[in-house]
Amino acid sequence: MSVKVVINQCFGGFGLSEKAEAIVEERIGREFDPYEHPRHCPVLVSVVEELGEAANGRCANLTVEELRWGRRYIIKEYDGVEKVCEPEQIKWINVSGETG
């Protein structure tokens, strides 16, 4: 089963619209905290997919990315624009000076 992750694709930052946030809270049964809630949460992913642009917060352009290689990821961010990175995409530097 593939893993999907919600990220922001514009300057500004991640955020849900009031409507999207209310739906997520209703489905998870508690308050939504964008800083503590995992971006791969199936409820969050499904709400963003269902609402499309209506899920976007004030300064957000949310998209759903599917992991290609597994179940591990980090989100890199610059001025609110986010990118999903998987371990296979990272060029590691060994202490011996070798790259790989």
PDB file of N, CA and C in Angstrom:
ATOM      1  N   MET A   1       0.845  -1.183   0.000  1.00  0.00           N
ATOM      2  CA  MET A   1       0.000   0.000   0.000  1.00  0.00           C
ATOM      3  C   MET A   1       0.891   1.247   0.000  1.00  0.00           C
ATOM      4  N   SER A   2       0.612   2.167  -0.883  1.00  0.00           N
ATOM      5  CA  SER A   2       1.427   3.366  -0.986  1.00  0.00           C
ATOM      6  C   SER A   2       1.075   4.368   0.112  1.00  0.00           C
ATOM      7  N   VAL A   3       2.045   5.227   0.405  1.00  0.00           N
ATOM      8  CA  VAL A   3       1.860   6.273   1.406  1.00  0.00           C
ATOM      9  C   VAL A   3       1.748   7.610   0.698  1.00  0.00           C
ATOM     10  N   LYS A   4       0.747   8.396   1.079  1.00  0.00           N
ATOM     11  CA  LYS A   4       0.549   9.728   0.529  1.00  0.00           C
ATOM     12  C   LYS A   4       0.819  10.758   1.619  1.00  0.00           C
ATOM     13  N   VAL A   5       1.360  11.917   1.200  1.00  0.00           N
ATOM     14  CA  VAL A   5       1.750  12.971   2.120  1.00  0.00           C
ATOM     15  C   VAL A   5       1.226  14.305   1.593  1.00  0.00           C
ATOM     16  N   VAL A   6       0.682  15.139   2.479  1.00  0.00           N
ATOM     17  CA  VAL A   6       0.178  16.457   2.096  1.00  0.00           C
ATOM     18  C   VAL A   6       1.286  17.491   2.315  1.00  0.00           C
ATOM     19  N   ILE A   7       1.555  18.289   1.261  1.00  0.00           N
ATOM     20  CA  ILE A   7       2.550  19.356   1.369  1.00  0.00           C
ATOM     21  C   ILE A   7       2.008  20.640   0.753  1.00  0.00           C
ATOM     22  N   ASN A   8       2.670  21.738   1.081  1.00  0.00           N
ATOM     23  CA  ASN A   8       2.327  23.041   0.524  1.00  0.00           C
ATOM     24  C   ASN A   8       3.260  23.353  -0.643  1.00  0.00           C
ATOM     25  N   GLN A   9       2.718  23.856  -1.743  1.00  0.00           N
ATOM     26  CA  GLN A   9       3.498  24.118  -2.952  1.00  0.00           C
ATOM     27  C   GLN A   9       3.615  25.593  -3.306  1.00  0.00           C
ATOM     28  N   CYS A  10       3.468  26.493  -2.337  1.00  0.00           N
ATOM     29  CA  CYS A  10       3.634  27.916  -2.631  1.00  0.00           C
ATOM     30  C   CYS A  10       4.249  28.616  -1.432  1.00  0.00           C
ATOM     31  N   PHE A  11       4.777  29.820  -1.673  1.00  0.00           N
ATOM     32  CA  PHE A  11       5.307  30.615  -0.574  1.00  0.00           C
ATOM     33  C   PHE A  11       4.171  30.953   0.374  1.00  0.00           C
ATOM     34  N   GLY A  12       4.448  30.942   1.637  1.00  0.00           N
ATOM     35  CA  GLY A  12       3.428  31.230   2.638  1.00  0.00           C
ATOM     36  C   GLY A  12       3.473  30.199   3.745  1.00  0.00           C
ATOM     37  N   GLY A  13       2.966  29.022   3.465  1.00  0.00           N
ATOM     38  CA  GLY A  13       3.026  27.969   4.463  1.00  0.00           C
ATOM     39  C   GLY A  13       1.826  27.056   4.451  1.00  0.00           C
ATOM     40  N   PHE A  14       2.009  25.901   5.066  1.00  0.00           N
ATOM     41  CA  PHE A  14       0.977  24.889   5.169  1.00  0.00           C
ATOM     42  C   PHE A  14      -0.181  25.429   6.000  1.00  0.00           C
ATOM     43  N   GLY A  15      -1.386  25.178   5.564  1.00  0.00           N
ATOM     44  CA  GLY A  15      -2.563  25.557   6.332  1.00  0.00           C
ATOM     45  C   GLY A  15      -3.823  25.081   5.646  1.00  0.00           C
ATOM     46  N   LEU A  16      -4.786  24.691   6.444  1.00  0.00           N
ATOM     47  CA  LEU A  16      -6.074  24.232   5.922  1.00  0.00           C
ATOM     48  C   LEU A  16      -7.095  25.356   5.973  1.00  0.00           C
ATOM     49  N   SER A  17      -8.051  25.299   5.084  1.00  0.00           N
ATOM     50  CA  SER A  17      -9.187  26.223   5.152  1.00  0.00           C
ATOM     51  C   SER A  17     -10.011  25.852   6.384  1.00  0.00           C
ATOM     52  N   GLU A  18     -10.884  26.745   6.795  1.00  0.00           N
ATOM     53  CA  GLU A  18     -11.751  26.465   7.945  1.00  0.00           C
ATOM     54  C   GLU A  18     -12.605  25.230   7.678  1.00  0.00           C
ATOM     55  N   LYS A  19     -13.112  25.120   6.460  1.00  0.00           N
ATOM     56  CA  LYS A  19     -13.954  23.981   6.094  1.00  0.00           C
ATOM     57  C   LYS A  19     -13.166  22.676   6.190  1.00  0.00           C
ATOM     58  N   ALA A  20     -11.963  22.657   5.629  1.00  0.00           N
ATOM     59  CA  ALA A  20     -11.135  21.442   5.654  1.00  0.00           C
ATOM     60  C   ALA A  20     -10.767  21.071   7.085  1.00  0.00           C
ATOM     61  N   GLU A  21     -10.398  22.066   7.868  1.00  0.00           N
ATOM     62  CA  GLU A  21     -10.020  21.814   9.258  1.00  0.00           C
ATOM     63  C   GLU A  21     -11.201  21.233  10.047  1.00  0.00           C
ATOM     64  N   ALA A  22     -12.392  21.765   9.823  1.00  0.00           N
ATOM     65  CA  ALA A  22     -13.584  21.263  10.517  1.00  0.00           C
ATOM     66  C   ALA A  22     -13.871  19.806  10.147  1.00  0.00           C
ATOM     67  N   ILE A  23     -13.700  19.470   8.881  1.00  0.00           N
ATOM     68  CA  ILE A  23     -13.942  18.086   8.441  1.00  0.00           C
ATOM     69  C   ILE A  23     -12.908  17.143   9.062  1.00  0.00           C
ATOM     70  N   VAL A  24     -11.641  17.551   9.050  1.00  0.00           N
ATOM     71  CA  VAL A  24     -10.589  16.716   9.645  1.00  0.00           C
ATOM     72  C   VAL A  24     -10.878  16.503  11.124  1.00  0.00           C
ATOM     73  N   GLU A  25     -11.207  17.570  11.845  1.00  0.00           N
ATOM     74  CA  GLU A  25     -11.485  17.460  13.277  1.00  0.00           C
ATOM     75  C   GLU A  25     -12.674  16.549  13.556  1.00  0.00           C
ATOM     76  N   GLU A  26     -13.698  16.652  12.730  1.00  0.00           N
ATOM     77  CA  GLU A  26     -14.881  15.800  12.889  1.00  0.00           C
ATOM     78  C   GLU A  26     -14.505  14.326  12.707  1.00  0.00           C
ATOM     79  N   ARG A  27     -13.670  14.049  11.712  1.00  0.00           N
ATOM     80  CA  ARG A  27     -13.314  12.664  11.401  1.00  0.00           C
ATOM     81  C   ARG A  27     -12.301  12.062  12.377  1.00  0.00           C
ATOM     82  N   ILE A  28     -11.400  12.884  12.925  1.00  0.00           N
ATOM     83  CA  ILE A  28     -10.412  12.334  13.857  1.00  0.00           C
ATOM     84  C   ILE A  28     -10.873  12.436  15.309  1.00  0.00           C
ATOM     85  N   GLY A  29     -11.925  13.224  15.552  1.00  0.00           N
ATOM     86  CA  GLY A  29     -12.501  13.308  16.886  1.00  0.00           C
ATOM     87  C   GLY A  29     -11.732  14.172  17.869  1.00  0.00           C
ATOM     88  N   ARG A  30     -10.896  15.070  17.353  1.00  0.00           N
ATOM     89  CA  ARG A  30     -10.157  15.991  18.227  1.00  0.00           C
ATOM     90  C   ARG A  30      -9.699  17.193  17.411  1.00  0.00           C
ATOM     91  N   GLU A  31      -9.138  18.180  18.123  1.00  0.00           N
ATOM     92  CA  GLU A  31      -8.667  19.394  17.453  1.00  0.00           C
ATOM     93  C   GLU A  31      -7.479  19.081  16.528  1.00  0.00           C
ATOM     94  N   PHE A  32      -7.468  19.723  15.385  1.00  0.00           N
ATOM     95  CA  PHE A  32      -6.377  19.551  14.429  1.00  0.00           C
ATOM     96  C   PHE A  32      -5.277  20.545  14.739  1.00  0.00           C
ATOM     97  N   ASP A  33      -4.057  20.046  14.937  1.00  0.00           N
ATOM     98  CA  ASP A  33      -2.890  20.894  15.161  1.00  0.00           C
ATOM     99  C   ASP A  33      -1.920  20.650  14.004  1.00  0.00           C
ATOM    100  N   PRO A  34      -1.760  21.614  13.100  1.00  0.00           N
ATOM    101  CA  PRO A  34      -0.924  21.391  11.916  1.00  0.00           C
ATOM    102  C   PRO A  34       0.544  21.140  12.233  1.00  0.00           C
ATOM    103  N   TYR A  35       1.003  21.505  13.428  1.00  0.00           N
ATOM    104  CA  TYR A  35       2.403  21.304  13.789  1.00  0.00           C
ATOM    105  C   TYR A  35       2.652  19.932  14.417  1.00  0.00           C
ATOM    106  N   GLU A  36       1.599  19.289  14.874  1.00  0.00           N
ATOM    107  CA  GLU A  36       1.760  17.986  15.516  1.00  0.00           C
ATOM    108  C   GLU A  36       1.084  16.846  14.762  1.00  0.00           C
ATOM    109  N   HIS A  37       0.220  17.182  13.846  1.00  0.00           N
ATOM    110  CA  HIS A  37      -0.518  16.155  13.111  1.00  0.00           C
ATOM    111  C   HIS A  37       0.326  15.655  11.939  1.00  0.00           C
ATOM    112  N   PRO A  38       0.464  14.341  11.778  1.00  0.00           N
ATOM    113  CA  PRO A  38       1.292  13.828  10.675  1.00  0.00           C
ATOM    114  C   PRO A  38       0.688  14.126   9.312  1.00  0.00           C
ATOM    115  N   ARG A  39       1.542  14.505   8.384  1.00  0.00           N
ATOM    116  CA  ARG A  39       1.101  14.854   7.044  1.00  0.00           C
ATOM    117  C   ARG A  39       0.660  13.640   6.236  1.00  0.00           C
ATOM    118  N   HIS A  40       0.996  12.450   6.703  1.00  0.00           N
ATOM    119  CA  HIS A  40       0.596  11.232   6.002  1.00  0.00           C
ATOM    120  C   HIS A  40      -0.689  10.632   6.573  1.00  0.00           C
ATOM    121  N   CYS A  41      -1.338  11.338   7.479  1.00  0.00           N
ATOM    122  CA  CYS A  41      -2.587  10.863   8.077  1.00  0.00           C
ATOM    123  C   CYS A  41      -3.622  10.626   6.974  1.00  0.00           C
ATOM    124  N   PRO A  42      -4.170   9.427   6.899  1.00  0.00           N
ATOM    125  CA  PRO A  42      -5.144   9.128   5.848  1.00  0.00           C
ATOM    126  C   PRO A  42      -6.350  10.074   5.836  1.00  0.00           C
ATOM    127  N   VAL A  43      -6.769  10.548   6.996  1.00  0.00           N
ATOM    128  CA  VAL A  43      -7.902  11.481   7.057  1.00  0.00           C
ATOM    129  C   VAL A  43      -7.512  12.809   6.418  1.00  0.00           C
ATOM    130  N   LEU A  44      -6.350  13.337   6.772  1.00  0.00           N
ATOM    131  CA  LEU A  44      -5.879  14.585   6.189  1.00  0.00           C
ATOM    132  C   LEU A  44      -5.734  14.455   4.673  1.00  0.00           C
ATOM    133  N   VAL A  45      -5.116  13.386   4.240  1.00  0.00           N
ATOM    134  CA  VAL A  45      -4.923  13.148   2.804  1.00  0.00           C
ATOM    135  C   VAL A  45      -6.270  13.100   2.083  1.00  0.00           C
ATOM    136  N   SER A  46      -7.217  12.353   2.638  1.00  0.00           N
ATOM    137  CA  SER A  46      -8.507  12.206   1.959  1.00  0.00           C
ATOM    138  C   SER A  46      -9.270  13.526   1.893  1.00  0.00           C
ATOM    139  N   VAL A  47      -9.197  14.343   2.938  1.00  0.00           N
ATOM    140  CA  VAL A  47      -9.893  15.635   2.929  1.00  0.00           C
ATOM    141  C   VAL A  47      -9.284  16.556   1.874  1.00  0.00           C
ATOM    142  N   VAL A  48      -7.972  16.598   1.775  1.00  0.00           N
ATOM    143  CA  VAL A  48      -7.317  17.444   0.768  1.00  0.00           C
ATOM    144  C   VAL A  48      -7.659  16.943  -0.636  1.00  0.00           C
ATOM    145  N   GLU A  49      -7.685  15.638  -0.829  1.00  0.00           N
ATOM    146  CA  GLU A  49      -8.054  15.089  -2.141  1.00  0.00           C
ATOM    147  C   GLU A  49      -9.519  15.383  -2.472  1.00  0.00           C
ATOM    148  N   GLU A  50     -10.401  15.256  -1.499  1.00  0.00           N
ATOM    149  CA  GLU A  50     -11.834  15.487  -1.726  1.00  0.00           C
ATOM    150  C   GLU A  50     -12.143  16.958  -2.037  1.00  0.00           C
ATOM    151  N   LEU A  51     -11.545  17.864  -1.269  1.00  0.00           N
ATOM    152  CA  LEU A  51     -11.882  19.288  -1.402  1.00  0.00           C
ATOM    153  C   LEU A  51     -11.072  20.006  -2.478  1.00  0.00           C
ATOM    154  N   GLY A  52      -9.942  19.477  -2.849  1.00  0.00           N
ATOM    155  CA  GLY A  52      -9.098  20.153  -3.835  1.00  0.00           C
ATOM    156  C   GLY A  52      -8.689  21.533  -3.347  1.00  0.00           C
ATOM    157  N   GLU A  53      -8.837  22.542  -4.189  1.00  0.00           N
ATOM    158  CA  GLU A  53      -8.428  23.904  -3.836  1.00  0.00           C
ATOM    159  C   GLU A  53      -9.173  24.452  -2.613  1.00  0.00           C
ATOM    160  N   ALA A  54     -10.364  23.958  -2.356  1.00  0.00           N
ATOM    161  CA  ALA A  54     -11.138  24.425  -1.204  1.00  0.00           C
ATOM    162  C   ALA A  54     -10.500  24.008   0.124  1.00  0.00           C
ATOM    163  N   ALA A  55      -9.516  23.113   0.093  1.00  0.00           N
ATOM    164  CA  ALA A  55      -8.809  22.699   1.312  1.00  0.00           C
ATOM    165  C   ALA A  55      -7.706  23.678   1.678  1.00  0.00           C
ATOM    166  N   ASN A  56      -7.301  24.536   0.725  1.00  0.00           N
ATOM    167  CA  ASN A  56      -6.176  25.445   0.946  1.00  0.00           C
ATOM    168  C   ASN A  56      -6.476  26.493   1.997  1.00  0.00           C
ATOM    169  N   GLY A  57      -5.522  26.673   2.911  1.00  0.00           N
ATOM    170  CA  GLY A  57      -5.601  27.753   3.873  1.00  0.00           C
ATOM    171  C   GLY A  57      -5.266  29.074   3.208  1.00  0.00           C
ATOM    172  N   ARG A  58      -5.189  30.120   4.004  1.00  0.00           N
ATOM    173  CA  ARG A  58      -4.995  31.487   3.504  1.00  0.00           C
ATOM    174  C   ARG A  58      -3.770  31.638   2.601  1.00  0.00           C
ATOM    175  N   CYS A  59      -2.657  31.063   2.970  1.00  0.00           N
ATOM    176  CA  CYS A  59      -1.416  31.203   2.196  1.00  0.00           C
ATOM    177  C   CYS A  59      -0.905  29.837   1.770  1.00  0.00           C
ATOM    178  N   ALA A  60      -1.780  28.984   1.294  1.00  0.00           N
ATOM    179  CA  ALA A  60      -1.379  27.615   0.970  1.00  0.00           C
ATOM    180  C   ALA A  60      -1.890  27.181  -0.398  1.00  0.00           C
ATOM    181  N   ASN A  61      -1.160  26.261  -0.973  1.00  0.00           N
ATOM    182  CA  ASN A  61      -1.552  25.558  -2.187  1.00  0.00           C
ATOM    183  C   ASN A  61      -1.192  24.094  -1.941  1.00  0.00           C
ATOM    184  N   LEU A  62      -2.115  23.357  -1.352  1.00  0.00           N
ATOM    185  CA  LEU A  62      -1.838  22.003  -0.900  1.00  0.00           C
ATOM    186  C   LEU A  62      -1.933  20.990  -2.026  1.00  0.00           C
ATOM    187  N   THR A  63      -1.009  20.048  -1.995  1.00  0.00           N
ATOM    188  CA  THR A  63      -1.025  18.933  -2.935  1.00  0.00           C
ATOM    189  C   THR A  63      -0.730  17.651  -2.167  1.00  0.00           C
ATOM    190  N   VAL A  64      -1.075  16.545  -2.779  1.00  0.00           N
ATOM    191  CA  VAL A  64      -0.799  15.231  -2.189  1.00  0.00           C
ATOM    192  C   VAL A  64       0.273  14.557  -3.037  1.00  0.00           C
ATOM    193  N   GLU A  65       1.364  14.181  -2.381  1.00  0.00           N
ATOM    194  CA  GLU A  65       2.465  13.483  -3.046  1.00  0.00           C
ATOM    195  C   GLU A  65       2.474  12.035  -2.579  1.00  0.00           C
ATOM    196  N   GLU A  66       2.773  11.142  -3.488  1.00  0.00           N
ATOM    197  CA  GLU A  66       2.855   9.722  -3.156  1.00  0.00           C
ATOM    198  C   GLU A  66       4.319   9.323  -3.034  1.00  0.00           C
ATOM    199  N   LEU A  67       4.667   8.665  -1.931  1.00  0.00           N
ATOM    200  CA  LEU A  67       6.043   8.202  -1.757  1.00  0.00           C
ATOM    201  C   LEU A  67       6.348   7.154  -2.811  1.00  0.00           C
ATOM    202  N   ARG A  68       7.549   7.204  -3.348  1.00  0.00           N
ATOM    203  CA  ARG A  68       7.928   6.288  -4.427  1.00  0.00           C
ATOM    204  C   ARG A  68       8.666   5.054  -3.945  1.00  0.00           C
ATOM    205  N   TRP A  69       9.450   5.199  -2.878  1.00  0.00           N
ATOM    206  CA  TRP A  69      10.344   4.103  -2.510  1.00  0.00           C
ATOM    207  C   TRP A  69      10.013   3.400  -1.208  1.00  0.00           C
ATOM    208  N   GLY A  70       9.139   3.894  -0.425  1.00  0.00           N
ATOM    209  CA  GLY A  70       8.901   3.206   0.846  1.00  0.00           C
ATOM    210  C   GLY A  70       7.971   3.957   1.764  1.00  0.00           C
ATOM    211  N   ARG A  71       8.337   3.939   3.040  1.00  0.00           N
ATOM    212  CA  ARG A  71       7.468   4.483   4.067  1.00  0.00           C
ATOM    213  C   ARG A  71       8.177   5.511   4.947  1.00  0.00           C
ATOM    214  N   ARG A  72       9.326   6.036   4.494  1.00  0.00           N
ATOM    215  CA  ARG A  72      10.059   7.032   5.275  1.00  0.00           C
ATOM    216  C   ARG A  72      10.232   8.299   4.436  1.00  0.00           C
ATOM    217  N   TYR A  73      10.054   9.448   5.091  1.00  0.00           N
ATOM    218  CA  TYR A  73      10.182  10.722   4.389  1.00  0.00           C
ATOM    219  C   TYR A  73      10.480  11.836   5.367  1.00  0.00           C
ATOM    220  N   ILE A  74      10.975  12.935   4.848  1.00  0.00           N
ATOM    221  CA  ILE A  74      11.059  14.192   5.581  1.00  0.00           C
ATOM    222  C   ILE A  74      10.489  15.272   4.659  1.00  0.00           C
ATOM    223  N   ILE A  75      10.040  16.343   5.252  1.00  0.00           N
ATOM    224  CA  ILE A  75       9.550  17.462   4.462  1.00  0.00           C
ATOM    225  C   ILE A  75      10.563  18.588   4.600  1.00  0.00           C
ATOM    226  N   LYS A  76      11.136  18.993   3.459  1.00  0.00           N
ATOM    227  CA  LYS A  76      12.046  20.135   3.442  1.00  0.00           C
ATOM    228  C   LYS A  76      11.225  21.356   3.053  1.00  0.00           C
ATOM    229  N   GLU A  77      11.540  22.485   3.709  1.00  0.00           N
ATOM    230  CA  GLU A  77      10.735  23.685   3.503  1.00  0.00           C
ATOM    231  C   GLU A  77      11.630  24.897   3.308  1.00  0.00           C
ATOM    232  N   TYR A  78      11.236  25.771   2.390  1.00  0.00           N
ATOM    233  CA  TYR A  78      11.906  27.053   2.191  1.00  0.00           C
ATOM    234  C   TYR A  78      10.829  28.111   1.966  1.00  0.00           C
ATOM    235  N   ASP A  79      10.729  29.057   2.872  1.00  0.00           N
ATOM    236  CA  ASP A  79       9.731  30.132   2.800  1.00  0.00           C
ATOM    237  C   ASP A  79       8.314  29.607   2.602  1.00  0.00           C
ATOM    238  N   GLY A  80       8.028  28.460   3.167  1.00  0.00           N
ATOM    239  CA  GLY A  80       6.690  27.889   3.086  1.00  0.00           C
ATOM    240  C   GLY A  80       6.505  26.871   1.990  1.00  0.00           C
ATOM    241  N   VAL A  81       7.378  26.896   0.965  1.00  0.00           N
ATOM    242  CA  VAL A  81       7.291  25.907  -0.117  1.00  0.00           C
ATOM    243  C   VAL A  81       7.913  24.615   0.392  1.00  0.00           C
ATOM    244  N   GLU A  82       7.175  23.529   0.275  1.00  0.00           N
ATOM    245  CA  GLU A  82       7.626  22.251   0.827  1.00  0.00           C
ATOM    246  C   GLU A  82       7.915  21.220  -0.263  1.00  0.00           C
ATOM    247  N   LYS A  83       8.799  20.294   0.091  1.00  0.00           N
ATOM    248  CA  LYS A  83       9.174  19.210  -0.810  1.00  0.00           C
ATOM    249  C   LYS A  83       9.326  17.944   0.023  1.00  0.00           C
ATOM    250  N   VAL A  84       8.786  16.834  -0.481  1.00  0.00           N
ATOM    251  CA  VAL A  84       8.939  15.545   0.189  1.00  0.00           C
ATOM    252  C   VAL A  84      10.254  14.927  -0.270  1.00  0.00           C
ATOM    253  N   CYS A  85      11.076  14.509   0.672  1.00  0.00           N
ATOM    254  CA  CYS A  85      12.335  13.833   0.354  1.00  0.00           C
ATOM    255  C   CYS A  85      12.354  12.468   1.037  1.00  0.00           C
ATOM    256  N   GLU A  86      12.722  11.475   0.254  1.00  0.00           N
ATOM    257  CA  GLU A  86      12.858  10.124   0.780  1.00  0.00           C
ATOM    258  C   GLU A  86      14.338   9.787   0.914  1.00  0.00           C
ATOM    259  N   PRO A  87      14.694   8.823   1.776  1.00  0.00           N
ATOM    260  CA  PRO A  87      16.102   8.492   1.988  1.00  0.00           C
ATOM    261  C   PRO A  87      16.874   8.211   0.699  1.00  0.00           C
ATOM    262  N   GLU A  88      16.222   7.619  -0.288  1.00  0.00           N
ATOM    263  CA  GLU A  88      16.894   7.281  -1.541  1.00  0.00           C
ATOM    264  C   GLU A  88      17.281   8.517  -2.352  1.00  0.00           C
ATOM    265  N   GLN A  89      16.701   9.658  -2.029  1.00  0.00           N
ATOM    266  CA  GLN A  89      16.987  10.889  -2.759  1.00  0.00           C
ATOM    267  C   GLN A  89      18.111  11.708  -2.129  1.00  0.00           C
ATOM    268  N   ILE A  90      18.586  11.289  -0.975  1.00  0.00           N
ATOM    269  CA  ILE A  90      19.583  12.062  -0.244  1.00  0.00           C
ATOM    270  C   ILE A  90      20.976  11.548  -0.575  1.00  0.00           C
ATOM    271  N   LYS A  91      21.851  12.454  -0.930  1.00  0.00           N
ATOM    272  CA  LYS A  91      23.240  12.101  -1.201  1.00  0.00           C
ATOM    273  C   LYS A  91      23.984  12.155   0.134  1.00  0.00           C
ATOM    274  N   TRP A  92      24.274  10.997   0.680  1.00  0.00           N
ATOM    275  CA  TRP A  92      24.907  10.901   1.991  1.00  0.00           C
ATOM    276  C   TRP A  92      26.409  11.093   1.864  1.00  0.00           C
ATOM    277  N   ILE A  93      27.033  11.707   2.843  1.00  0.00           N
ATOM    278  CA  ILE A  93      28.476  11.848   2.881  1.00  0.00           C
ATOM    279  C   ILE A  93      28.986  11.007   4.057  1.00  0.00           C
ATOM    280  N   ASN A  94      29.866  10.060   3.737  1.00  0.00           N
ATOM    281  CA  ASN A  94      30.487   9.236   4.771  1.00  0.00           C
ATOM    282  C   ASN A  94      31.662   9.975   5.370  1.00  0.00           C
ATOM    283  N   VAL A  95      31.965   9.690   6.621  1.00  0.00           N
ATOM    284  CA  VAL A  95      33.076  10.373   7.277  1.00  0.00           C
ATOM    285  C   VAL A  95      34.414  10.055   6.610  1.00  0.00           C
ATOM    286  N   SER A  96      34.492   8.987   5.850  1.00  0.00           N
ATOM    287  CA  SER A  96      35.718   8.644   5.142  1.00  0.00           C
ATOM    288  C   SER A  96      35.916   9.514   3.923  1.00  0.00           C
ATOM    289  N   GLY A  97      34.920  10.338   3.588  1.00  0.00           N
ATOM    290  CA  GLY A  97      35.009  11.212   2.433  1.00  0.00           C
ATOM    291  C   GLY A  97      34.358  10.649   1.189  1.00  0.00           C
ATOM    292  N   GLU A  98      33.921   9.389   1.247  1.00  0.00           N
ATOM    293  CA  GLU A  98      33.243   8.785   0.119  1.00  0.00           C
ATOM    294  C   GLU A  98      31.822   9.302   0.036  1.00  0.00           C
ATOM    295  N   THR A  99      31.294   9.410  -1.147  1.00  0.00           N
ATOM    296  CA  THR A  99      29.906   9.816  -1.293  1.00  0.00           C
ATOM    297  C   THR A  99      29.100   8.611  -1.741  1.00  0.00           C
ATOM    298  N   GLY A 100      27.804   8.655  -1.479  1.00  0.00           N
ATOM    299  CA  GLY A 100      26.987   7.546  -1.926  1.00  0.00           C
ATOM    300  C   GLY A 100      25.593   7.611  -1.467  1.00  0.00           C
TER     301      GLY A 100
END
